[in-house]
N, C-alpha and C. Protein backbone atom coordinates (compact mmCIF):
# COMPACT_ATOMS: atom_id res chain seq x y z
N SER A 1 -8.32 16.65 -11.14
CA SER A 1 -8.18 17.92 -11.19
C SER A 1 -8.97 18.82 -10.11
N ASP A 2 -8.28 20.11 -9.90
CA ASP A 2 -9.00 21.09 -8.71
C ASP A 2 -10.12 21.09 -8.94
N ALA A 3 -10.45 21.45 -10.65
CA ALA A 3 -12.28 21.61 -10.72
C ALA A 3 -13.23 20.37 -10.45
N PHE A 4 -12.48 19.29 -10.33
CA PHE A 4 -13.43 18.08 -9.83
C PHE A 4 -13.05 18.21 -8.44
N PHE A 5 -12.08 18.07 -7.85
CA PHE A 5 -11.81 17.82 -6.42
C PHE A 5 -12.47 18.88 -5.25
N ASP A 6 -12.23 20.18 -5.68
CA ASP A 6 -12.54 21.15 -4.89
C ASP A 6 -13.98 21.38 -4.35
N PRO A 7 -15.06 21.16 -5.37
CA PRO A 7 -16.38 21.47 -5.22
C PRO A 7 -17.13 20.18 -4.38
N LYS A 8 -16.24 18.78 -4.59
CA LYS A 8 -16.89 17.53 -4.01
C LYS A 8 -16.25 17.46 -2.71
N TYR A 9 -15.15 18.14 -2.26
CA TYR A 9 -14.47 17.72 -1.31
C TYR A 9 -13.80 18.78 -0.14
N LEU A 10 -13.80 19.94 -0.83
CA LEU A 10 -13.29 21.17 0.04
C LEU A 10 -14.34 22.31 -0.02
N SER A 11 -15.22 22.52 -0.87
CA SER A 11 -16.26 23.31 -0.73
C SER A 11 -17.88 23.06 -0.72
N ASN A 12 -17.84 21.60 -0.45
CA ASN A 12 -18.92 21.06 -0.31
C ASN A 12 -20.12 21.62 0.66
N ILE A 13 -21.12 20.85 0.73
CA ILE A 13 -22.36 21.38 1.65
C ILE A 13 -22.25 20.45 2.75
N TYR A 14 -21.50 19.41 2.68
CA TYR A 14 -21.47 18.17 3.80
C TYR A 14 -20.43 18.29 4.70
N ASP A 15 -19.78 19.51 5.02
CA ASP A 15 -18.97 19.51 6.41
C ASP A 15 -19.42 18.84 7.58
N PRO A 16 -18.62 18.33 8.15
CA PRO A 16 -17.08 18.06 7.85
C PRO A 16 -17.07 16.46 7.07
N LEU A 17 -16.47 16.67 6.30
CA LEU A 17 -16.12 15.57 5.48
C LEU A 17 -14.90 14.46 5.92
N VAL A 18 -14.97 13.13 5.62
CA VAL A 18 -14.25 12.06 6.25
C VAL A 18 -13.55 11.41 4.61
N LEU A 19 -12.10 11.33 4.88
CA LEU A 19 -11.84 11.03 3.47
C LEU A 19 -10.86 10.24 3.79
N VAL A 20 -10.58 8.77 3.47
CA VAL A 20 -9.55 8.11 4.14
C VAL A 20 -8.80 7.69 2.71
N VAL A 21 -7.33 7.34 2.72
CA VAL A 21 -6.72 7.40 1.57
C VAL A 21 -5.96 6.21 1.91
N ALA A 22 -6.07 4.78 1.43
CA ALA A 22 -5.09 3.71 1.59
C ALA A 22 -3.91 3.82 1.05
N TYR A 23 -2.83 3.34 1.24
CA TYR A 23 -1.39 3.49 0.65
C TYR A 23 -0.88 1.79 0.78
N ASP A 24 0.01 1.68 -0.09
CA ASP A 24 1.05 0.57 -0.34
C ASP A 24 2.27 1.27 -0.54
N ASP A 25 3.13 1.36 0.56
CA ASP A 25 4.51 2.44 0.62
C ASP A 25 3.86 3.53 0.34
N GLU A 26 4.08 4.12 -0.93
CA GLU A 26 3.82 5.70 -1.47
C GLU A 26 2.69 5.79 -2.43
N GLU A 27 2.35 4.45 -2.70
CA GLU A 27 1.39 4.39 -3.75
C GLU A 27 -0.10 4.35 -3.20
N SER A 28 -0.71 5.51 -3.68
CA SER A 28 -2.45 5.46 -3.04
C SER A 28 -2.81 4.19 -3.83
N ILE A 29 -3.69 3.44 -2.96
CA ILE A 29 -4.24 2.12 -3.67
C ILE A 29 -5.88 2.19 -3.39
N GLY A 30 -6.20 3.08 -2.80
CA GLY A 30 -7.60 3.31 -2.56
C GLY A 30 -8.11 4.43 -2.00
N ALA A 31 -9.35 5.08 -2.03
CA ALA A 31 -10.06 6.14 -1.49
C ALA A 31 -11.54 5.68 -0.90
N ASP A 32 -11.83 6.30 0.09
CA ASP A 32 -13.34 6.26 0.51
C ASP A 32 -13.74 7.49 1.46
N ALA A 33 -14.88 7.90 1.04
CA ALA A 33 -15.24 9.17 1.79
C ALA A 33 -16.72 9.27 2.25
N LEU A 34 -16.91 9.80 3.22
CA LEU A 34 -18.30 9.80 4.06
C LEU A 34 -18.43 11.61 4.05
N TRP A 35 -19.65 11.73 3.65
CA TRP A 35 -20.16 13.32 3.77
C TRP A 35 -21.08 13.31 4.90
N ARG A 36 -21.03 14.28 5.84
CA ARG A 36 -22.00 14.75 7.07
C ARG A 36 -23.15 14.99 6.16
N ASN A 37 -24.01 14.57 6.58
CA ASN A 37 -25.54 15.10 6.04
C ASN A 37 -26.58 14.46 7.10
N ASP A 38 -26.73 15.39 8.02
CA ASP A 38 -27.66 15.04 9.03
C ASP A 38 -29.03 15.08 8.82
N VAL A 39 -29.80 14.40 9.25
CA VAL A 39 -31.14 13.63 9.21
C VAL A 39 -32.32 14.18 10.40
N GLU A 40 -32.92 15.26 10.17
CA GLU A 40 -34.00 15.53 11.23
C GLU A 40 -33.19 15.71 12.59
N GLY A 41 -31.90 16.41 12.45
CA GLY A 41 -31.25 17.12 13.81
C GLY A 41 -30.45 15.58 14.16
N GLN A 42 -30.29 14.69 13.58
CA GLN A 42 -29.36 13.38 14.05
C GLN A 42 -28.28 13.36 13.36
N LYS A 43 -26.97 13.25 13.95
CA LYS A 43 -25.84 13.23 13.08
C LYS A 43 -26.03 11.94 12.28
N SER A 44 -25.67 12.21 10.98
CA SER A 44 -25.55 10.97 10.03
C SER A 44 -24.34 11.51 9.10
N TYR A 45 -24.36 10.57 8.31
CA TYR A 45 -23.14 10.24 7.38
C TYR A 45 -23.89 9.70 6.05
N GLN A 46 -23.25 10.23 4.89
CA GLN A 46 -23.71 9.70 3.59
C GLN A 46 -22.37 9.01 3.09
N SER A 47 -22.46 7.61 2.65
CA SER A 47 -21.19 7.05 1.92
C SER A 47 -21.07 7.68 0.52
N ALA A 48 -19.87 8.07 0.51
CA ALA A 48 -19.54 8.97 -0.91
C ALA A 48 -18.64 8.04 -1.55
N ASP A 49 -17.77 8.56 -2.84
CA ASP A 49 -16.99 7.85 -3.58
C ASP A 49 -15.98 6.99 -2.95
N THR A 50 -16.10 5.68 -3.45
CA THR A 50 -14.99 4.78 -3.14
C THR A 50 -14.43 4.11 -4.37
N CYS A 51 -13.07 3.77 -4.09
CA CYS A 51 -12.48 3.04 -5.01
C CYS A 51 -11.18 2.18 -4.49
N VAL A 52 -10.83 1.45 -4.97
CA VAL A 52 -9.69 0.29 -4.86
C VAL A 52 -9.29 0.09 -6.27
N LEU A 53 -7.83 0.16 -6.24
CA LEU A 53 -7.30 -0.23 -7.63
C LEU A 53 -7.64 -1.66 -7.81
N GLU A 54 -7.69 -2.01 -9.15
CA GLU A 54 -8.30 -3.52 -9.26
C GLU A 54 -7.10 -4.54 -8.64
N SER A 55 -5.95 -4.23 -8.84
CA SER A 55 -4.97 -5.44 -8.35
C SER A 55 -4.80 -5.41 -6.88
N TYR A 56 -5.60 -4.64 -6.09
CA TYR A 56 -5.32 -4.82 -4.79
C TYR A 56 -6.96 -5.11 -4.11
N ARG A 57 -7.94 -5.38 -5.01
CA ARG A 57 -9.09 -5.98 -4.54
C ARG A 57 -9.22 -7.25 -4.11
N GLY A 58 -10.01 -7.51 -3.27
CA GLY A 58 -9.92 -8.86 -2.27
C GLY A 58 -8.80 -8.94 -1.37
N ARG A 59 -8.27 -8.35 -0.90
CA ARG A 59 -7.16 -8.07 -0.04
C ARG A 59 -7.59 -7.30 1.42
N GLY A 60 -8.89 -6.95 1.48
CA GLY A 60 -9.51 -6.33 2.64
C GLY A 60 -9.02 -4.72 2.65
N VAL A 61 -8.58 -4.17 1.64
CA VAL A 61 -8.27 -2.76 1.86
C VAL A 61 -9.79 -2.02 1.75
N PHE A 62 -10.77 -2.43 1.21
CA PHE A 62 -12.04 -1.75 1.62
C PHE A 62 -12.42 -1.70 2.92
N THR A 63 -12.20 -2.76 3.60
CA THR A 63 -12.72 -2.98 4.81
C THR A 63 -11.84 -2.51 5.93
N LYS A 64 -10.57 -2.18 5.48
CA LYS A 64 -9.62 -1.34 6.65
C LYS A 64 -10.07 0.12 6.55
N MET A 65 -10.53 0.49 5.12
CA MET A 65 -11.00 1.96 5.00
C MET A 65 -12.47 2.15 5.89
N VAL A 66 -13.07 1.07 5.64
CA VAL A 66 -14.40 1.42 6.50
C VAL A 66 -14.24 1.72 8.11
N LYS A 67 -13.15 0.87 8.30
CA LYS A 67 -12.86 0.65 9.93
C LYS A 67 -12.47 2.06 10.45
N ALA A 68 -11.43 2.35 9.20
CA ALA A 68 -10.76 3.88 9.52
C ALA A 68 -11.73 5.12 9.60
N LYS A 69 -12.71 5.02 8.68
CA LYS A 69 -13.88 6.15 8.65
C LYS A 69 -14.61 5.91 10.24
N LEU A 70 -15.03 4.72 10.38
CA LEU A 70 -15.96 4.58 11.45
C LEU A 70 -15.31 5.23 12.81
N SER A 71 -13.74 4.89 13.00
CA SER A 71 -12.91 5.37 13.90
C SER A 71 -13.03 7.01 13.90
N ALA A 72 -12.97 7.41 12.72
CA ALA A 72 -12.79 8.98 12.75
C ALA A 72 -14.12 9.65 13.36
N ILE A 73 -15.49 9.18 13.19
CA ILE A 73 -16.49 9.58 13.29
C ILE A 73 -17.04 9.49 14.59
N GLN A 74 -16.50 8.58 15.51
CA GLN A 74 -16.77 8.16 16.90
C GLN A 74 -16.37 8.89 17.64
């Protein structure tokens, strides 16, 4: 719902947010987020919510999402 999604992902203090959503055709099968959370002036990220549908676990979906997140912040 908007009440859950907006404070965590749109109006949060950790801008900019990196959110990766994995799809199989048009079905979303996983999501993985990083919040910007600098430490002592150094650019840093905090891993946030991650999920993969149970039927897709063990297929490398999480690994692909992590690689996509890392590409986005480099």
